[in-house]
Amino acid sequence: MKDFSCELYTPSMGCTQRYSEIRIKDLKNITKYIENQDNTGLCEYFTSLLTELGADIHANELDRIDKFCILLGLRIISIGPTLEMKFTCESTQKEFNYKLDLFDILQKIADVEDLYRNNTVVLDENITIELGFPAKFTYENMDDIVFECLSKVTIKNRTFNIKSLSEIERENILSLLPGSISKDIVDFIIKKQKLLNDVVFLDVKSPFTANTDIIVAHFDGINDSIMEFIKTLYRVDITDMYNIIYILTSKLRFDAEYVENNLTFAEAVIYLNKYKQELADKEKAYKDQSQMGNSASTGQPMPMQMPYNGIE
């Protein structure tokens, strides 16, 4: 029997693909990469994880906007639909909490028109190129980003998928292209960046002033800020995670392998909260019983107790 999966939107394909949930073991690995500030390792892990969780597609076929939307969707179903954040009011220097609706971000990106249209550029009568967003979340320099936007090249009716070529094959194809291609790609990046900059994913007003302190953040699909936001989405205190695993295995008698390989973080928190509520109920019952005992020993009148008739 297959694990539970859900349909997540893939912008470049204009459709949904099925993905399984992110489990505790996956979140532990993600958290460790974030704690170690290993962006390269984290990017590689995300690519491997999306390939493992996706039923219909390999992660190498996805661009960074696809990966962002899918990771955002997985974060919603595996951890929760909101991101709790703290801000400081500039006028009063008081801190306040803010909940970011992650569903809202997904919808705003899906609503961007022309994000994946008009991406074909005719260089001359023999050469046509198709452009797209780069696949990786981080790059060492702008030149790498520019040529990562090159998706397909058609030379004399023969089409080459750049992402599927070896490094040598790719260099051979690039050597056949005119030098002016860089300007075409930069123009493409600027045009698409303007579309994405219209997406306001964070608009925070201070509760301590008359809406004068506003924090606004626009979506950026090109620079490294997209990676930093993903890290914020998945940043979980590693100590809290181990504490949850400890309580589930030692107090609730869950099998450790089952917890890590089958539960999502959201599910683990539900079990933890149930356990906390059970402890709180027992503590209250014990205090109530102790108070009744104290009343009896001091000769104070006991609260009237109605006879139990078997009806709840």
Protein backbone atom coordinates (compact mmCIF):
# COMPACT_ATOMS: atom_id res chain seq x y z
CA MET A 1 0.00 0.00 0.00
CA LYS A 2 1.36 3.41 -0.96
CA ASP A 3 1.97 6.14 1.60
CA PHE A 4 -0.30 9.17 1.72
CA SER A 5 0.51 11.73 -0.95
CA CYS A 6 -0.97 15.04 -1.99
CA GLU A 7 -1.07 17.08 -5.20
CA LEU A 8 1.25 20.09 -5.24
CA TYR A 9 1.33 22.76 -7.92
CA THR A 10 4.28 22.82 -10.34
CA PRO A 11 4.31 26.29 -11.99
CA SER A 12 6.56 25.49 -14.96
CA MET A 13 4.26 22.65 -16.01
CA GLY A 14 1.01 24.38 -15.13
CA CYS A 15 -0.25 21.28 -13.31
CA THR A 16 0.01 19.36 -10.05
CA GLN A 17 2.25 16.44 -9.14
CA ARG A 18 1.88 13.98 -6.25
CA TYR A 19 4.34 14.10 -3.34
CA SER A 20 4.58 12.18 -0.08
CA GLU A 21 5.00 14.00 3.23
CA ILE A 22 8.28 15.03 4.83
CA ARG A 23 8.95 12.73 7.79
CA ILE A 24 10.76 13.37 11.06
CA LYS A 25 13.97 11.78 9.71
CA ASP A 26 13.91 14.13 6.69
CA LEU A 27 13.33 17.19 8.87
CA LYS A 28 16.23 16.17 11.12
CA ASN A 29 18.56 16.10 8.12
CA ILE A 30 17.27 19.45 6.85
CA THR A 31 17.72 21.00 10.29
CA LYS A 32 21.29 19.74 10.55
CA TYR A 33 22.22 21.26 7.18
CA ILE A 34 20.67 24.56 8.25
CA GLU A 35 22.44 24.51 11.64
CA ASN A 36 25.77 23.81 9.91
CA GLN A 37 25.13 26.63 7.39
CA ASP A 38 25.77 24.14 4.58
CA ASN A 39 23.74 25.62 1.73
CA THR A 40 25.37 23.40 -0.88
CA GLY A 41 24.62 20.23 1.04
CA LEU A 42 21.08 21.44 1.76
CA CYS A 43 20.38 22.14 -1.91
CA GLU A 44 21.64 18.69 -2.89
CA TYR A 45 19.55 17.10 -0.15
CA PHE A 46 16.40 18.94 -1.28
CA THR A 47 16.95 17.70 -4.85
CA SER A 48 17.39 14.12 -3.64
CA LEU A 49 14.41 14.39 -1.28
CA LEU A 50 12.04 15.80 -3.90
CA THR A 51 13.03 13.00 -6.28
CA GLU A 52 12.32 10.44 -3.53
CA LEU A 53 8.99 11.96 -2.47
CA GLY A 54 7.72 12.75 -5.97
CA ALA A 55 5.79 10.01 -7.71
CA ASP A 56 5.80 11.39 -11.23
CA ILE A 57 8.90 13.47 -11.87
CA HIS A 58 12.63 13.72 -11.17
CA ALA A 59 13.72 16.86 -9.30
CA ASN A 60 16.31 17.63 -12.00
CA GLU A 61 13.41 18.55 -14.29
CA LEU A 62 12.26 21.26 -11.88
CA ASP A 63 13.40 24.87 -11.76
CA ARG A 64 13.88 26.86 -8.56
CA ILE A 65 10.34 28.31 -8.62
CA ASP A 66 8.92 24.77 -8.93
CA LYS A 67 11.08 23.56 -6.05
CA PHE A 68 10.14 26.54 -3.91
CA CYS A 69 6.41 25.98 -4.42
CA ILE A 70 6.69 22.23 -3.78
CA LEU A 71 8.81 22.71 -0.65
CA LEU A 72 6.35 25.33 0.54
CA GLY A 73 3.47 22.91 -0.02
CA LEU A 74 5.33 20.12 1.79
CA ARG A 75 6.05 22.47 4.67
CA ILE A 76 2.32 23.24 4.96
CA ILE A 77 1.23 19.60 5.16
CA SER A 78 4.18 18.26 7.16
CA ILE A 79 4.78 21.06 9.69
CA GLY A 80 1.91 23.54 9.48
CA PRO A 81 0.19 26.17 7.27
CA THR A 82 1.55 29.22 9.08
CA LEU A 83 4.99 30.60 9.94
CA GLU A 84 5.21 32.31 13.32
CA MET A 85 7.55 35.30 13.24
CA LYS A 86 8.68 38.01 15.65
CA PHE A 87 9.19 41.66 14.77
CA THR A 88 10.20 44.80 16.64
CA CYS A 89 8.23 48.01 16.25
CA GLU A 90 10.65 50.75 15.19
CA SER A 91 8.73 53.48 17.03
CA THR A 92 8.21 51.74 20.38
CA GLN A 93 10.94 49.05 20.25
CA LYS A 94 8.32 46.57 21.43
CA GLU A 95 8.28 43.02 20.06
CA PHE A 96 5.16 41.51 18.53
CA ASN A 97 4.22 38.18 16.99
CA TYR A 98 3.02 37.70 13.44
CA LYS A 99 1.62 34.64 11.65
CA LEU A 100 2.42 34.36 7.95
CA ASP A 101 -0.18 32.49 5.89
CA LEU A 102 1.80 30.11 3.64
CA PHE A 103 -1.24 29.18 1.52
CA ASP A 104 -1.47 32.86 0.56
CA ILE A 105 2.10 32.86 -0.82
CA LEU A 106 1.41 29.78 -2.95
CA GLN A 107 -1.72 31.37 -4.39
CA LYS A 108 0.04 34.64 -5.19
CA ILE A 109 2.77 32.85 -7.17
CA ALA A 110 0.19 30.74 -9.01
CA ASP A 111 -1.65 33.93 -9.97
CA VAL A 112 1.39 35.56 -11.63
CA GLU A 113 0.56 35.80 -15.33
CA ASP A 114 3.16 35.32 -18.09
CA LEU A 115 5.68 33.80 -15.68
CA TYR A 116 6.16 30.85 -18.05
CA ARG A 117 5.07 32.45 -21.30
CA ASN A 118 7.04 34.10 -24.08
CA ASN A 119 10.27 32.34 -23.14
CA THR A 120 11.45 31.57 -26.69
CA VAL A 121 14.06 33.77 -28.34
CA VAL A 122 14.98 33.54 -32.05
CA LEU A 123 18.66 34.38 -32.44
CA ASP A 124 18.81 33.90 -36.22
CA GLU A 125 17.18 31.77 -38.89
CA ASN A 126 19.05 28.67 -37.69
CA ILE A 127 19.16 29.07 -33.91
CA THR A 128 16.34 29.36 -31.38
CA ILE A 129 16.70 29.21 -27.62
CA GLU A 130 14.17 28.53 -24.89
CA LEU A 131 14.76 30.17 -21.52
CA GLY A 132 13.61 29.30 -18.02
CA PHE A 133 14.40 29.87 -14.37
CA PRO A 134 17.64 28.31 -13.05
CA ALA A 135 17.35 25.01 -11.19
CA LYS A 136 19.64 25.62 -8.21
CA PHE A 137 18.92 27.85 -5.23
CA THR A 138 22.47 29.17 -4.90
CA TYR A 139 25.18 30.15 -7.38
CA GLU A 140 28.69 31.47 -6.97
CA ASN A 141 28.31 34.29 -9.48
CA MET A 142 25.87 35.95 -11.88
CA ASP A 143 27.43 34.31 -14.95
CA ASP A 144 26.41 30.89 -13.64
CA ILE A 145 22.83 32.09 -13.16
CA VAL A 146 22.71 33.55 -16.68
CA PHE A 147 23.63 30.33 -18.44
CA GLU A 148 21.53 28.21 -16.07
CA CYS A 149 18.52 30.04 -17.54
CA LEU A 150 19.24 28.37 -20.88
CA SER A 151 16.79 25.49 -21.10
CA LYS A 152 16.74 24.30 -24.72
CA VAL A 153 18.65 25.13 -27.89
CA THR A 154 17.37 24.39 -31.39
CA ILE A 155 20.00 24.45 -34.16
CA LYS A 156 18.79 23.71 -37.69
CA ASN A 157 15.67 21.91 -36.44
CA ARG A 158 17.61 19.79 -33.96
CA THR A 159 16.68 20.48 -30.31
CA PHE A 160 19.02 19.95 -27.36
CA ASN A 161 17.80 19.85 -23.76
CA ILE A 162 20.65 21.63 -22.02
CA LYS A 163 19.90 20.19 -18.56
CA SER A 164 20.18 16.62 -19.79
CA LEU A 165 23.55 17.09 -21.54
CA SER A 166 26.95 16.23 -20.11
CA GLU A 167 29.29 19.11 -19.27
CA ILE A 168 31.34 18.55 -22.44
CA GLU A 169 28.22 18.34 -24.64
CA ARG A 170 26.88 21.47 -23.05
CA GLU A 171 30.10 23.40 -23.69
CA ASN A 172 30.07 22.29 -27.32
CA ILE A 173 26.51 23.58 -27.79
CA LEU A 174 27.26 26.87 -26.04
CA SER A 175 30.27 27.41 -28.29
CA LEU A 176 27.92 27.48 -31.29
CA LEU A 177 25.83 30.31 -29.89
CA PRO A 178 26.50 34.01 -30.66
CA GLY A 179 27.95 36.24 -27.96
CA SER A 180 24.79 38.36 -27.93
CA ILE A 181 22.95 35.55 -26.17
CA SER A 182 24.02 36.92 -22.78
CA LYS A 183 22.02 40.11 -23.34
CA ASP A 184 18.93 38.12 -24.34
CA ILE A 185 19.17 36.04 -21.17
CA VAL A 186 19.75 39.07 -18.93
CA ASP A 187 16.71 40.78 -20.51
CA PHE A 188 14.70 37.63 -19.77
CA ILE A 189 15.86 37.62 -16.13
CA ILE A 190 14.95 41.28 -15.68
CA LYS A 191 11.50 40.77 -17.22
CA LYS A 192 10.67 37.75 -15.06
CA GLN A 193 12.10 39.38 -11.96
CA LYS A 194 9.73 42.33 -12.39
CA LEU A 195 6.79 39.92 -12.49
CA LEU A 196 7.89 38.20 -9.29
CA ASN A 197 8.65 41.48 -7.52
CA ASP A 198 4.96 42.29 -7.72
CA VAL A 199 4.34 39.39 -5.34
CA VAL A 200 4.27 40.80 -1.80
CA PHE A 201 4.59 37.80 0.51
CA LEU A 202 5.15 39.76 3.70
CA ASP A 203 3.24 42.92 4.66
CA VAL A 204 3.40 43.56 8.40
CA LYS A 205 1.93 46.51 10.30
CA SER A 206 2.93 47.25 13.87
CA PRO A 207 0.08 46.88 16.41
CA PHE A 208 1.60 49.65 18.53
CA THR A 209 1.31 52.52 16.04
CA ALA A 210 -1.29 53.88 13.66
CA ASN A 211 -0.14 51.66 10.76
CA THR A 212 2.93 53.84 10.24
CA ASP A 213 5.50 51.06 10.75
CA ILE A 214 5.20 48.69 7.81
CA ILE A 215 7.51 45.79 6.93
CA VAL A 216 7.16 44.77 3.29
CA ALA A 217 9.04 41.97 1.51
CA HIS A 218 8.72 41.12 -2.18
CA PHE A 219 9.31 37.69 -3.69
CA ASP A 220 12.66 37.32 -5.45
CA GLY A 221 13.10 34.36 -7.77
CA ILE A 222 16.67 35.02 -8.86
CA ASN A 223 18.98 35.85 -5.96
CA ASP A 224 19.86 33.79 -2.87
CA SER A 225 17.06 35.29 -0.74
CA ILE A 226 14.75 32.50 -1.95
CA MET A 227 17.05 29.97 -0.27
CA GLU A 228 17.15 31.97 2.95
CA PHE A 229 13.36 32.04 3.08
CA ILE A 230 13.18 28.26 2.59
CA LYS A 231 15.60 27.83 5.49
CA THR A 232 13.34 30.03 7.61
CA LEU A 233 10.37 27.84 6.68
CA TYR A 234 12.13 24.65 7.76
CA ARG A 235 14.12 25.97 10.72
CA VAL A 236 13.14 23.84 13.74
CA ASP A 237 15.02 23.77 17.04
CA ILE A 238 16.95 20.50 16.93
CA THR A 239 16.75 20.13 20.73
CA ASP A 240 12.96 20.44 20.63
CA MET A 241 12.83 17.78 17.94
CA TYR A 242 14.88 15.31 19.99
CA ASN A 243 12.76 16.09 23.06
CA ILE A 244 9.62 15.21 21.12
CA ILE A 245 11.17 11.97 19.88
CA TYR A 246 12.24 11.13 23.46
CA ILE A 247 8.76 11.69 24.91
CA LEU A 248 7.05 9.72 22.14
CA THR A 249 9.38 6.74 22.56
CA SER A 250 9.94 6.71 26.34
CA LYS A 251 6.59 7.94 27.64
CA LEU A 252 4.11 6.91 24.94
CA ARG A 253 6.04 3.75 23.99
CA PHE A 254 6.26 4.53 20.27
CA ASP A 255 8.84 2.57 18.34
CA ALA A 256 11.74 4.93 17.53
CA GLU A 257 12.03 3.74 13.95
CA TYR A 258 8.30 4.25 13.43
CA VAL A 259 8.48 7.82 14.77
CA GLU A 260 11.33 8.85 12.49
CA ASN A 261 10.25 7.03 9.34
CA ASN A 262 6.48 7.43 9.47
CA LEU A 263 5.46 10.51 11.44
CA THR A 264 5.53 14.08 10.22
CA PHE A 265 6.51 16.85 12.63
CA ALA A 266 2.88 18.03 12.69
CA GLU A 267 1.68 14.55 13.70
CA ALA A 268 4.35 14.25 16.39
CA VAL A 269 3.26 17.58 17.88
CA ILE A 270 -0.38 16.38 17.98
CA TYR A 271 0.64 13.29 19.99
CA LEU A 272 2.82 15.45 22.26
CA ASN A 273 -0.04 17.89 22.94
CA LYS A 274 -2.38 14.99 23.73
CA TYR A 275 0.16 13.67 26.22
CA LYS A 276 0.56 17.12 27.82
CA GLN A 277 -3.21 17.47 28.13
CA GLU A 278 -3.44 14.04 29.75
CA LEU A 279 -0.79 15.05 32.32
CA ALA A 280 -2.59 18.32 32.99
CA ASP A 281 -5.91 16.52 33.53
CA LYS A 282 -4.29 14.05 35.95
CA GLU A 283 -2.61 16.87 37.86
CA LYS A 284 -5.91 18.75 38.16
CA ALA A 285 -7.71 15.61 39.34
CA TYR A 286 -4.98 15.01 41.95
CA LYS A 287 -5.21 18.60 43.22
CA ASP A 288 -8.99 18.41 43.43
CA GLN A 289 -8.77 15.15 45.37
CA SER A 290 -6.14 16.61 47.72
CA GLN A 291 -8.31 19.65 48.41
CA MET A 292 -11.27 17.43 49.22
CA GLY A 293 -9.10 15.39 51.58
CA ASN A 294 -7.85 18.52 53.32
CA SER A 295 -11.41 19.76 53.75
CA ALA A 296 -12.41 16.48 55.40
CA SER A 297 -9.43 16.49 57.81
CA THR A 298 -10.07 20.08 58.97
CA GLY A 299 -13.76 19.47 59.56
CA GLN A 300 -14.83 21.84 56.80
CA PRO A 301 -18.01 20.92 54.93
CA MET A 302 -17.43 18.79 51.82
CA PRO A 303 -18.81 19.99 48.49
CA MET A 304 -22.21 18.42 47.84
CA GLN A 305 -21.87 15.34 45.64
CA MET A 306 -24.82 14.21 43.55
CA PRO A 307 -25.33 10.42 43.45
CA TYR A 308 -24.00 8.86 40.25
CA ASN A 309 -26.87 7.50 38.16
CA GLY A 310 -24.84 6.09 35.29
CA ILE A 311 -25.76 8.94 32.94
CA GLU A 312 -22.95 11.17 31.64
